Amino acid sequence: MELVHRVGLILTLTSLSIFTYYTFWVIILPLVDSDHFVHKYFLPQEYTILISVYVAVVLICFLSICIGYVMLESKKKKA
């Protein structure tokens, strides 16, 4: 298998794992009794919002930097 396919497979499996964990944490876990053993595998519920906001801010910053870089490069080509 080529390196590109392996990287793609790893990224897909990682994304799917994170999505499954987060979905279970946010949607299913509040319906489970708080004294159930499964709660020890998850962070407290307060972190669900904090992690979502942090990821959104990082994504917006990354996209802003990419757009700014493209705008600066296109301005250099015109000059």
Protein backbone atom coordinates (compact mmCIF):
# COMPACT_ATOMS: atom_id res chain seq x y z
CA MET A 1 0.00 0.00 0.00
CA GLU A 2 1.26 3.46 -0.81
CA LEU A 3 2.19 5.92 1.91
CA VAL A 4 -0.64 8.27 0.92
CA HIS A 5 -3.21 5.51 1.34
CA ARG A 6 -1.79 4.54 4.74
CA VAL A 7 -1.87 8.14 5.95
CA GLY A 8 -5.43 8.50 4.70
CA LEU A 9 -6.48 5.29 6.45
CA ILE A 10 -4.85 6.40 9.71
CA LEU A 11 -6.50 9.82 9.53
CA THR A 12 -9.89 8.27 8.77
CA LEU A 13 -9.65 5.79 11.64
CA THR A 14 -8.48 8.51 14.03
CA SER A 15 -11.33 10.83 13.03
CA LEU A 16 -13.88 8.05 13.35
CA SER A 17 -12.57 7.10 16.79
CA ILE A 18 -12.67 10.69 18.04
CA PHE A 19 -16.15 11.22 16.60
CA THR A 20 -17.46 8.02 18.21
CA TYR A 21 -15.92 8.82 21.60
CA TYR A 22 -17.20 12.42 21.57
CA THR A 23 -20.69 11.41 20.41
CA PHE A 24 -20.97 8.79 23.13
CA TRP A 25 -19.66 11.29 25.70
CA VAL A 26 -22.08 14.06 24.75
CA ILE A 27 -25.25 12.15 23.79
CA ILE A 28 -25.25 8.78 25.55
CA LEU A 29 -23.35 9.41 28.78
CA PRO A 30 -25.84 11.91 30.30
CA LEU A 31 -28.50 9.17 30.09
CA VAL A 32 -26.38 6.70 32.09
CA ASP A 33 -26.49 6.68 35.91
CA SER A 34 -23.68 8.73 37.43
CA ASP A 35 -22.44 5.82 39.55
CA HIS A 36 -22.01 3.52 36.53
CA PHE A 37 -18.44 2.30 35.87
CA VAL A 38 -18.40 3.74 32.33
CA HIS A 39 -18.13 7.29 33.71
CA LYS A 40 -14.52 6.71 34.76
CA TYR A 41 -13.49 6.56 31.07
CA PHE A 42 -14.74 10.06 30.25
CA LEU A 43 -13.89 13.59 31.32
CA PRO A 44 -16.46 15.62 33.29
CA GLN A 45 -19.35 17.04 31.23
CA GLU A 46 -18.06 20.64 31.62
CA TYR A 47 -15.26 19.86 29.21
CA THR A 48 -17.62 19.10 26.32
CA ILE A 49 -18.29 22.79 25.74
CA LEU A 50 -14.71 23.86 26.49
CA ILE A 51 -13.22 21.39 24.01
CA SER A 52 -15.73 22.34 21.31
CA VAL A 53 -15.02 26.06 21.73
CA TYR A 54 -11.26 25.49 21.78
CA VAL A 55 -11.35 23.41 18.59
CA ALA A 56 -13.56 26.01 16.88
CA VAL A 57 -11.20 28.87 17.82
CA VAL A 58 -8.14 26.92 16.62
CA LEU A 59 -9.90 26.08 13.33
CA ILE A 60 -10.93 29.71 12.75
CA CYS A 61 -7.39 30.91 13.50
CA PHE A 62 -5.90 28.33 11.13
CA LEU A 63 -8.32 29.25 8.33
CA SER A 64 -7.65 32.97 8.88
CA ILE A 65 -3.90 32.41 8.63
CA CYS A 66 -4.34 30.36 5.43
CA ILE A 67 -6.57 32.99 3.84
CA GLY A 68 -4.17 35.77 4.87
CA TYR A 69 -1.23 33.86 3.42
CA VAL A 70 -3.03 33.32 0.11
CA MET A 71 -3.99 37.00 -0.06
CA LEU A 72 -0.40 38.09 0.59
CA GLU A 73 0.96 35.69 -2.03
CA SER A 74 -1.54 36.87 -4.63
CA LYS A 75 -0.63 40.49 -3.87
CA LYS A 76 3.08 39.69 -4.42
CA LYS A 77 2.34 38.12 -7.82
CA LYS A 78 0.45 41.25 -8.99
CA ALA A 79 3.33 43.57 -8.02
